[in-house]
Amino acid sequence: MNTKTHIHESADSTLLAYGKEVRELLSNIPAESWSAEIWTMFGGYIIALKDLGHAPNLSNTYFSFKELLEFFEKVERIRRGDSPRP
């Protein structure tokens, strides 16, 4: 029995499932709009910190937002037919 084939098929089905979820997410709002919203959310978070106080994980939060923003930028490049950068 060749188990490598089954692992590959499982990975393919997982990628297809991810792709379907991304397509569903972007079906109502384009990727470039998500990028703007992400910066709005992060800006609101930073403003709220004045009232919330010290945020020891602020750098982690920033990098999470940054990675999310980069994800939507890659998705937008794919949508336009540009080759996505790694």
PDB file of N, CA and C in Angstrom:
ATOM      1  N   MET A   1       0.847  -1.191   0.000  1.00  0.00           N
ATOM      2  CA  MET A   1       0.000   0.000   0.000  1.00  0.00           C
ATOM      3  C   MET A   1       0.883   1.241   0.000  1.00  0.00           C
ATOM      4  N   ASN A   2       0.572   2.165  -0.865  1.00  0.00           N
ATOM      5  CA  ASN A   2       1.352   3.401  -0.973  1.00  0.00           C
ATOM      6  C   ASN A   2       0.685   4.483  -0.125  1.00  0.00           C
ATOM      7  N   THR A   3       1.224   4.747   1.060  1.00  0.00           N
ATOM      8  CA  THR A   3       0.626   5.733   1.955  1.00  0.00           C
ATOM      9  C   THR A   3       0.922   7.157   1.522  1.00  0.00           C
ATOM     10  N   LYS A   4       1.981   7.361   0.742  1.00  0.00           N
ATOM     11  CA  LYS A   4       2.310   8.710   0.291  1.00  0.00           C
ATOM     12  C   LYS A   4       1.181   9.288  -0.558  1.00  0.00           C
ATOM     13  N   THR A   5       0.537   8.482  -1.362  1.00  0.00           N
ATOM     14  CA  THR A   5      -0.575   8.947  -2.189  1.00  0.00           C
ATOM     15  C   THR A   5      -1.710   9.444  -1.314  1.00  0.00           C
ATOM     16  N   HIS A   6      -2.001   8.704  -0.255  1.00  0.00           N
ATOM     17  CA  HIS A   6      -3.085   9.112   0.632  1.00  0.00           C
ATOM     18  C   HIS A   6      -2.765  10.409   1.365  1.00  0.00           C
ATOM     19  N   ILE A   7      -1.530  10.566   1.772  1.00  0.00           N
ATOM     20  CA  ILE A   7      -1.126  11.810   2.430  1.00  0.00           C
ATOM     21  C   ILE A   7      -1.250  12.969   1.455  1.00  0.00           C
ATOM     22  N   HIS A   8      -0.817  12.776   0.214  1.00  0.00           N
ATOM     23  CA  HIS A   8      -0.900  13.831  -0.792  1.00  0.00           C
ATOM     24  C   HIS A   8      -2.352  14.199  -1.074  1.00  0.00           C
ATOM     25  N   GLU A   9      -3.228  13.203  -1.203  1.00  0.00           N
ATOM     26  CA  GLU A   9      -4.641  13.477  -1.446  1.00  0.00           C
ATOM     27  C   GLU A   9      -5.252  14.230  -0.279  1.00  0.00           C
ATOM     28  N   SER A  10      -4.873  13.869   0.935  1.00  0.00           N
ATOM     29  CA  SER A  10      -5.380  14.549   2.119  1.00  0.00           C
ATOM     30  C   SER A  10      -4.934  16.006   2.130  1.00  0.00           C
ATOM     31  N   ALA A  11      -3.663  16.250   1.786  1.00  0.00           N
ATOM     32  CA  ALA A  11      -3.156  17.622   1.737  1.00  0.00           C
ATOM     33  C   ALA A  11      -3.886  18.419   0.657  1.00  0.00           C
ATOM     34  N   ASP A  12      -4.128  17.793  -0.502  1.00  0.00           N
ATOM     35  CA  ASP A  12      -4.848  18.473  -1.580  1.00  0.00           C
ATOM     36  C   ASP A  12      -6.263  18.836  -1.146  1.00  0.00           C
ATOM     37  N   SER A  13      -6.941  17.917  -0.480  1.00  0.00           N
ATOM     38  CA  SER A  13      -8.310  18.208  -0.051  1.00  0.00           C
ATOM     39  C   SER A  13      -8.324  19.308   1.007  1.00  0.00           C
ATOM     40  N   THR A  14      -7.300  19.343   1.847  1.00  0.00           N
ATOM     41  CA  THR A  14      -7.199  20.412   2.844  1.00  0.00           C
ATOM     42  C   THR A  14      -6.987  21.757   2.165  1.00  0.00           C
ATOM     43  N   LEU A  15      -6.101  21.783   1.175  1.00  0.00           N
ATOM     44  CA  LEU A  15      -5.866  23.032   0.449  1.00  0.00           C
ATOM     45  C   LEU A  15      -7.131  23.494  -0.279  1.00  0.00           C
ATOM     46  N   LEU A  16      -7.847  22.568  -0.873  1.00  0.00           N
ATOM     47  CA  LEU A  16      -9.107  22.925  -1.533  1.00  0.00           C
ATOM     48  C   LEU A  16     -10.111  23.489  -0.536  1.00  0.00           C
ATOM     49  N   ALA A  17     -10.173  22.890   0.635  1.00  0.00           N
ATOM     50  CA  ALA A  17     -11.084  23.387   1.670  1.00  0.00           C
ATOM     51  C   ALA A  17     -10.693  24.793   2.100  1.00  0.00           C
ATOM     52  N   TYR A  18      -9.379  25.044   2.283  1.00  0.00           N
ATOM     53  CA  TYR A  18      -8.912  26.394   2.618  1.00  0.00           C
ATOM     54  C   TYR A  18      -9.288  27.376   1.512  1.00  0.00           C
ATOM     55  N   GLY A  19      -9.058  26.969   0.280  1.00  0.00           N
ATOM     56  CA  GLY A  19      -9.378  27.833  -0.852  1.00  0.00           C
ATOM     57  C   GLY A  19     -10.851  28.193  -0.901  1.00  0.00           C
ATOM     58  N   LYS A  20     -11.706  27.222  -0.624  1.00  0.00           N
ATOM     59  CA  LYS A  20     -13.154  27.483  -0.619  1.00  0.00           C
ATOM     60  C   LYS A  20     -13.518  28.484   0.473  1.00  0.00           C
ATOM     61  N   GLU A  21     -12.885  28.336   1.636  1.00  0.00           N
ATOM     62  CA  GLU A  21     -13.164  29.277   2.735  1.00  0.00           C
ATOM     63  C   GLU A  21     -12.698  30.688   2.388  1.00  0.00           C
ATOM     64  N   VAL A  22     -11.536  30.814   1.770  1.00  0.00           N
ATOM     65  CA  VAL A  22     -11.039  32.130   1.360  1.00  0.00           C
ATOM     66  C   VAL A  22     -11.967  32.731   0.307  1.00  0.00           C
ATOM     67  N   ARG A  23     -12.375  31.910  -0.667  1.00  0.00           N
ATOM     68  CA  ARG A  23     -13.292  32.400  -1.697  1.00  0.00           C
ATOM     69  C   ARG A  23     -14.589  32.898  -1.067  1.00  0.00           C
ATOM     70  N   GLU A  24     -15.112  32.144  -0.105  1.00  0.00           N
ATOM     71  CA  GLU A  24     -16.343  32.548   0.586  1.00  0.00           C
ATOM     72  C   GLU A  24     -16.128  33.866   1.335  1.00  0.00           C
ATOM     73  N   LEU A  25     -15.004  33.977   2.013  1.00  0.00           N
ATOM     74  CA  LEU A  25     -14.691  35.194   2.768  1.00  0.00           C
ATOM     75  C   LEU A  25     -14.628  36.408   1.849  1.00  0.00           C
ATOM     76  N   LEU A  26     -14.021  36.207   0.666  1.00  0.00           N
ATOM     77  CA  LEU A  26     -13.829  37.323  -0.260  1.00  0.00           C
ATOM     78  C   LEU A  26     -14.995  37.512  -1.232  1.00  0.00           C
ATOM     79  N   SER A  27     -16.033  36.679  -1.127  1.00  0.00           N
ATOM     80  CA  SER A  27     -17.133  36.783  -2.078  1.00  0.00           C
ATOM     81  C   SER A  27     -17.928  38.072  -1.907  1.00  0.00           C
ATOM     82  N   ASN A  28     -17.955  38.614  -0.713  1.00  0.00           N
ATOM     83  CA  ASN A  28     -18.717  39.835  -0.460  1.00  0.00           C
ATOM     84  C   ASN A  28     -17.852  41.081  -0.393  1.00  0.00           C
ATOM     85  N   ILE A  29     -16.620  40.918   0.074  1.00  0.00           N
ATOM     86  CA  ILE A  29     -15.726  42.062   0.245  1.00  0.00           C
ATOM     87  C   ILE A  29     -14.395  41.724  -0.414  1.00  0.00           C
ATOM     88  N   PRO A  30     -13.924  42.544  -1.362  1.00  0.00           N
ATOM     89  CA  PRO A  30     -12.647  42.250  -2.024  1.00  0.00           C
ATOM     90  C   PRO A  30     -11.457  42.385  -1.060  1.00  0.00           C
ATOM     91  N   ALA A  31     -10.370  41.741  -1.443  1.00  0.00           N
ATOM     92  CA  ALA A  31      -9.171  41.709  -0.594  1.00  0.00           C
ATOM     93  C   ALA A  31      -8.660  43.101  -0.263  1.00  0.00           C
ATOM     94  N   GLU A  32      -8.691  44.027  -1.238  1.00  0.00           N
ATOM     95  CA  GLU A  32      -8.165  45.363  -0.949  1.00  0.00           C
ATOM     96  C   GLU A  32      -8.994  46.075   0.116  1.00  0.00           C
ATOM     97  N   SER A  33     -10.295  45.783   0.180  1.00  0.00           N
ATOM     98  CA  SER A  33     -11.132  46.372   1.232  1.00  0.00           C
ATOM     99  C   SER A  33     -10.788  45.773   2.592  1.00  0.00           C
ATOM    100  N   TRP A  34     -10.500  44.477   2.598  1.00  0.00           N
ATOM    101  CA  TRP A  34     -10.084  43.854   3.841  1.00  0.00           C
ATOM    102  C   TRP A  34      -8.813  44.501   4.372  1.00  0.00           C
ATOM    103  N   SER A  35      -7.884  44.796   3.486  1.00  0.00           N
ATOM    104  CA  SER A  35      -6.627  45.429   3.911  1.00  0.00           C
ATOM    105  C   SER A  35      -6.896  46.745   4.615  1.00  0.00           C
ATOM    106  N   ALA A  36      -7.784  47.550   4.044  1.00  0.00           N
ATOM    107  CA  ALA A  36      -8.128  48.835   4.667  1.00  0.00           C
ATOM    108  C   ALA A  36      -8.799  48.613   6.022  1.00  0.00           C
ATOM    109  N   GLU A  37      -9.676  47.622   6.096  1.00  0.00           N
ATOM    110  CA  GLU A  37     -10.367  47.345   7.354  1.00  0.00           C
ATOM    111  C   GLU A  37      -9.406  46.857   8.433  1.00  0.00           C
ATOM    112  N   ILE A  38      -8.421  46.086   8.026  1.00  0.00           N
ATOM    113  CA  ILE A  38      -7.444  45.582   8.994  1.00  0.00           C
ATOM    114  C   ILE A  38      -6.684  46.742   9.624  1.00  0.00           C
ATOM    115  N   TRP A  39      -6.263  47.721   8.801  1.00  0.00           N
ATOM    116  CA  TRP A  39      -5.573  48.886   9.350  1.00  0.00           C
ATOM    117  C   TRP A  39      -6.502  49.698  10.238  1.00  0.00           C
ATOM    118  N   THR A  40      -7.781  49.772   9.890  1.00  0.00           N
ATOM    119  CA  THR A  40      -8.755  50.480  10.730  1.00  0.00           C
ATOM    120  C   THR A  40      -8.883  49.788  12.084  1.00  0.00           C
ATOM    121  N   MET A  41      -8.971  48.448  12.067  1.00  0.00           N
ATOM    122  CA  MET A  41      -9.071  47.701  13.325  1.00  0.00           C
ATOM    123  C   MET A  41      -7.824  47.893  14.185  1.00  0.00           C
ATOM    124  N   PHE A  42      -6.660  47.817  13.553  1.00  0.00           N
ATOM    125  CA  PHE A  42      -5.426  47.969  14.314  1.00  0.00           C
ATOM    126  C   PHE A  42      -5.332  49.390  14.878  1.00  0.00           C
ATOM    127  N   GLY A  43      -5.684  50.374  14.064  1.00  0.00           N
ATOM    128  CA  GLY A  43      -5.670  51.760  14.543  1.00  0.00           C
ATOM    129  C   GLY A  43      -6.606  51.953  15.724  1.00  0.00           C
ATOM    130  N   GLY A  44      -7.792  51.355  15.651  1.00  0.00           N
ATOM    131  CA  GLY A  44      -8.740  51.435  16.764  1.00  0.00           C
ATOM    132  C   GLY A  44      -8.197  50.774  18.013  1.00  0.00           C
ATOM    133  N   TYR A  45      -7.520  49.661  17.813  1.00  0.00           N
ATOM    134  CA  TYR A  45      -6.906  48.964  18.943  1.00  0.00           C
ATOM    135  C   TYR A  45      -5.849  49.847  19.603  1.00  0.00           C
ATOM    136  N   ILE A  46      -5.007  50.475  18.805  1.00  0.00           N
ATOM    137  CA  ILE A  46      -3.954  51.341  19.346  1.00  0.00           C
ATOM    138  C   ILE A  46      -4.567  52.520  20.102  1.00  0.00           C
ATOM    139  N   ILE A  47      -5.604  53.106  19.544  1.00  0.00           N
ATOM    140  CA  ILE A  47      -6.277  54.227  20.218  1.00  0.00           C
ATOM    141  C   ILE A  47      -6.885  53.760  21.540  1.00  0.00           C
ATOM    142  N   ALA A  48      -7.495  52.568  21.538  1.00  0.00           N
ATOM    143  CA  ALA A  48      -8.120  52.038  22.754  1.00  0.00           C
ATOM    144  C   ALA A  48      -7.099  51.740  23.839  1.00  0.00           C
ATOM    145  N   LEU A  49      -5.852  51.499  23.453  1.00  0.00           N
ATOM    146  CA  LEU A  49      -4.827  51.201  24.465  1.00  0.00           C
ATOM    147  C   LEU A  49      -4.654  52.343  25.456  1.00  0.00           C
ATOM    148  N   LYS A  50      -4.968  53.565  25.025  1.00  0.00           N
ATOM    149  CA  LYS A  50      -4.859  54.702  25.942  1.00  0.00           C
ATOM    150  C   LYS A  50      -5.760  54.465  27.159  1.00  0.00           C
ATOM    151  N   ASP A  51      -6.945  53.903  26.909  1.00  0.00           N
ATOM    152  CA  ASP A  51      -7.874  53.622  27.999  1.00  0.00           C
ATOM    153  C   ASP A  51      -7.629  52.258  28.640  1.00  0.00           C
ATOM    154  N   LEU A  52      -7.142  51.318  27.852  1.00  0.00           N
ATOM    155  CA  LEU A  52      -6.955  49.954  28.344  1.00  0.00           C
ATOM    156  C   LEU A  52      -5.696  49.790  29.175  1.00  0.00           C
ATOM    157  N   GLY A  53      -4.713  50.632  28.936  1.00  0.00           N
ATOM    158  CA  GLY A  53      -3.470  50.533  29.678  1.00  0.00           C
ATOM    159  C   GLY A  53      -2.418  49.726  28.947  1.00  0.00           C
ATOM    160  N   HIS A  54      -1.414  49.339  29.679  1.00  0.00           N
ATOM    161  CA  HIS A  54      -0.241  48.654  29.134  1.00  0.00           C
ATOM    162  C   HIS A  54      -0.634  47.347  28.432  1.00  0.00           C
ATOM    163  N   ALA A  55      -0.056  47.117  27.270  1.00  0.00           N
ATOM    164  CA  ALA A  55      -0.292  45.888  26.511  1.00  0.00           C
ATOM    165  C   ALA A  55       1.042  45.185  26.289  1.00  0.00           C
ATOM    166  N   PRO A  56       1.384  44.230  27.150  1.00  0.00           N
ATOM    167  CA  PRO A  56       2.680  43.576  27.035  1.00  0.00           C
ATOM    168  C   PRO A  56       2.853  42.790  25.735  1.00  0.00           C
ATOM    169  N   ASN A  57       1.777  42.414  25.091  1.00  0.00           N
ATOM    170  CA  ASN A  57       1.861  41.637  23.851  1.00  0.00           C
ATOM    171  C   ASN A  57       1.637  42.496  22.612  1.00  0.00           C
ATOM    172  N   LEU A  58       1.830  43.778  22.722  1.00  0.00           N
ATOM    173  CA  LEU A  58       1.568  44.671  21.597  1.00  0.00           C
ATOM    174  C   LEU A  58       2.372  44.291  20.366  1.00  0.00           C
ATOM    175  N   SER A  59       3.628  43.916  20.536  1.00  0.00           N
ATOM    176  CA  SER A  59       4.435  43.561  19.365  1.00  0.00           C
ATOM    177  C   SER A  59       3.870  42.308  18.690  1.00  0.00           C
ATOM    178  N   ASN A  60       3.404  41.338  19.463  1.00  0.00           N
ATOM    179  CA  ASN A  60       2.786  40.151  18.879  1.00  0.00           C
ATOM    180  C   ASN A  60       1.504  40.511  18.135  1.00  0.00           C
ATOM    181  N   THR A  61       0.731  41.406  18.719  1.00  0.00           N
ATOM    182  CA  THR A  61      -0.509  41.849  18.075  1.00  0.00           C
ATOM    183  C   THR A  61      -0.195  42.541  16.764  1.00  0.00           C
ATOM    184  N   TYR A  62       0.814  43.409  16.774  1.00  0.00           N
ATOM    185  CA  TYR A  62       1.200  44.105  15.542  1.00  0.00           C
ATOM    186  C   TYR A  62       1.583  43.102  14.459  1.00  0.00           C
ATOM    187  N   PHE A  63       2.419  42.124  14.806  1.00  0.00           N
ATOM    188  CA  PHE A  63       2.863  41.162  13.797  1.00  0.00           C
ATOM    189  C   PHE A  63       1.720  40.268  13.317  1.00  0.00           C
ATOM    190  N   SER A  64       0.760  39.985  14.183  1.00  0.00           N
ATOM    191  CA  SER A  64      -0.421  39.233  13.742  1.00  0.00           C
ATOM    192  C   SER A  64      -1.208  40.035  12.722  1.00  0.00           C
ATOM    193  N   PHE A  65      -1.424  41.307  12.986  1.00  0.00           N
ATOM    194  CA  PHE A  65      -2.112  42.173  12.029  1.00  0.00           C
ATOM    195  C   PHE A  65      -1.317  42.284  10.737  1.00  0.00           C
ATOM    196  N   LYS A  66       0.002  42.410  10.868  1.00  0.00           N
ATOM    197  CA  LYS A  66       0.856  42.537   9.689  1.00  0.00           C
ATOM    198  C   LYS A  66       0.764  41.280   8.815  1.00  0.00           C
ATOM    199  N   GLU A  67       0.790  40.115   9.437  1.00  0.00           N
ATOM    200  CA  GLU A  67       0.679  38.868   8.681  1.00  0.00           C
ATOM    201  C   GLU A  67      -0.685  38.750   8.007  1.00  0.00           C
ATOM    202  N   LEU A  68      -1.728  39.182   8.701  1.00  0.00           N
ATOM    203  CA  LEU A  68      -3.061  39.163   8.113  1.00  0.00           C
ATOM    204  C   LEU A  68      -3.142  40.109   6.922  1.00  0.00           C
ATOM    205  N   LEU A  69      -2.557  41.270   7.057  1.00  0.00           N
ATOM    206  CA  LEU A  69      -2.516  42.232   5.963  1.00  0.00           C
ATOM    207  C   LEU A  69      -1.746  41.674   4.774  1.00  0.00           C
ATOM    208  N   GLU A  70      -0.596  41.056   5.032  1.00  0.00           N
ATOM    209  CA  GLU A  70       0.193  40.455   3.947  1.00  0.00           C
ATOM    210  C   GLU A  70      -0.575  39.329   3.258  1.00  0.00           C
ATOM    211  N   PHE A  71      -1.354  38.579   4.018  1.00  0.00           N
ATOM    212  CA  PHE A  71      -2.175  37.523   3.440  1.00  0.00           C
ATOM    213  C   PHE A  71      -3.152  38.111   2.421  1.00  0.00           C
ATOM    214  N   PHE A  72      -3.856  39.162   2.807  1.00  0.00           N
ATOM    215  CA  PHE A  72      -4.824  39.765   1.898  1.00  0.00           C
ATOM    216  C   PHE A  72      -4.146  40.426   0.700  1.00  0.00           C
ATOM    217  N   GLU A  73      -2.953  40.957   0.895  1.00  0.00           N
ATOM    218  CA  GLU A  73      -2.209  41.510  -0.237  1.00  0.00           C
ATOM    219  C   GLU A  73      -1.835  40.406  -1.225  1.00  0.00           C
ATOM    220  N   LYS A  74      -1.415  39.244  -0.720  1.00  0.00           N
ATOM    221  CA  LYS A  74      -1.094  38.107  -1.595  1.00  0.00           C
ATOM    222  C   LYS A  74      -2.342  37.630  -2.336  1.00  0.00           C
ATOM    223  N   VAL A  75      -3.447  37.541  -1.629  1.00  0.00           N
ATOM    224  CA  VAL A  75      -4.702  37.109  -2.247  1.00  0.00           C
ATOM    225  C   VAL A  75      -5.095  38.074  -3.366  1.00  0.00           C
ATOM    226  N   GLU A  76      -4.917  39.353  -3.140  1.00  0.00           N
ATOM    227  CA  GLU A  76      -5.263  40.342  -4.168  1.00  0.00           C
ATOM    228  C   GLU A  76      -4.358  40.193  -5.384  1.00  0.00           C
ATOM    229  N   ARG A  77      -3.064  39.938  -5.170  1.00  0.00           N
ATOM    230  CA  ARG A  77      -2.154  39.718  -6.307  1.00  0.00           C
ATOM    231  C   ARG A  77      -2.564  38.479  -7.097  1.00  0.00           C
ATOM    232  N   ILE A  78      -2.959  37.430  -6.396  1.00  0.00           N
ATOM    233  CA  ILE A  78      -3.421  36.219  -7.077  1.00  0.00           C
ATOM    234  C   ILE A  78      -4.675  36.520  -7.888  1.00  0.00           C
ATOM    235  N   ARG A  79      -5.594  37.280  -7.315  1.00  0.00           N
ATOM    236  CA  ARG A  79      -6.835  37.629  -8.010  1.00  0.00           C
ATOM    237  C   ARG A  79      -6.548  38.397  -9.295  1.00  0.00           C
ATOM    238  N   ARG A  80      -5.559  39.283  -9.242  1.00  0.00           N
ATOM    239  CA  ARG A  80      -5.205  40.084 -10.435  1.00  0.00           C
ATOM    240  C   ARG A  80      -4.405  39.282 -11.445  1.00  0.00           C
ATOM    241  N   GLY A  81      -3.939  38.104 -11.055  1.00  0.00           N
ATOM    242  CA  GLY A  81      -3.151  37.279 -11.956  1.00  0.00           C
ATOM    243  C   GLY A  81      -1.654  37.511 -11.830  1.00  0.00           C
ATOM    244  N   ASP A  82      -1.249  38.338 -10.867  1.00  0.00           N
ATOM    245  CA  ASP A  82       0.178  38.530 -10.619  1.00  0.00           C
ATOM    246  C   ASP A  82       0.696  37.299  -9.877  1.00  0.00           C
ATOM    247  N   SER A  83       1.976  37.033 -10.029  1.00  0.00           N
ATOM    248  CA  SER A  83       2.523  35.902  -9.284  1.00  0.00           C
ATOM    249  C   SER A  83       2.687  36.323  -7.830  1.00  0.00           C
ATOM    250  N   PRO A  84       2.177  35.509  -6.903  1.00  0.00           N
ATOM    251  CA  PRO A  84       2.311  35.869  -5.483  1.00  0.00           C
ATOM    252  C   PRO A  84       3.748  35.771  -5.028  1.00  0.00           C
ATOM    253  N   ARG A  85       4.170  36.732  -4.234  1.00  0.00           N
ATOM    254  CA  ARG A  85       5.506  36.691  -3.667  1.00  0.00           C
ATOM    255  C   ARG A  85       5.486  35.784  -2.449  1.00  0.00           C
ATOM    256  N   PRO A  86       6.578  35.107  -2.173  1.00  0.00           N
ATOM    257  CA  PRO A  86       6.601  34.199  -1.003  1.00  0.00           C
ATOM    258  C   PRO A  86       6.472  34.933   0.303  1.00  0.00           C
TER     259      PRO A  86
END
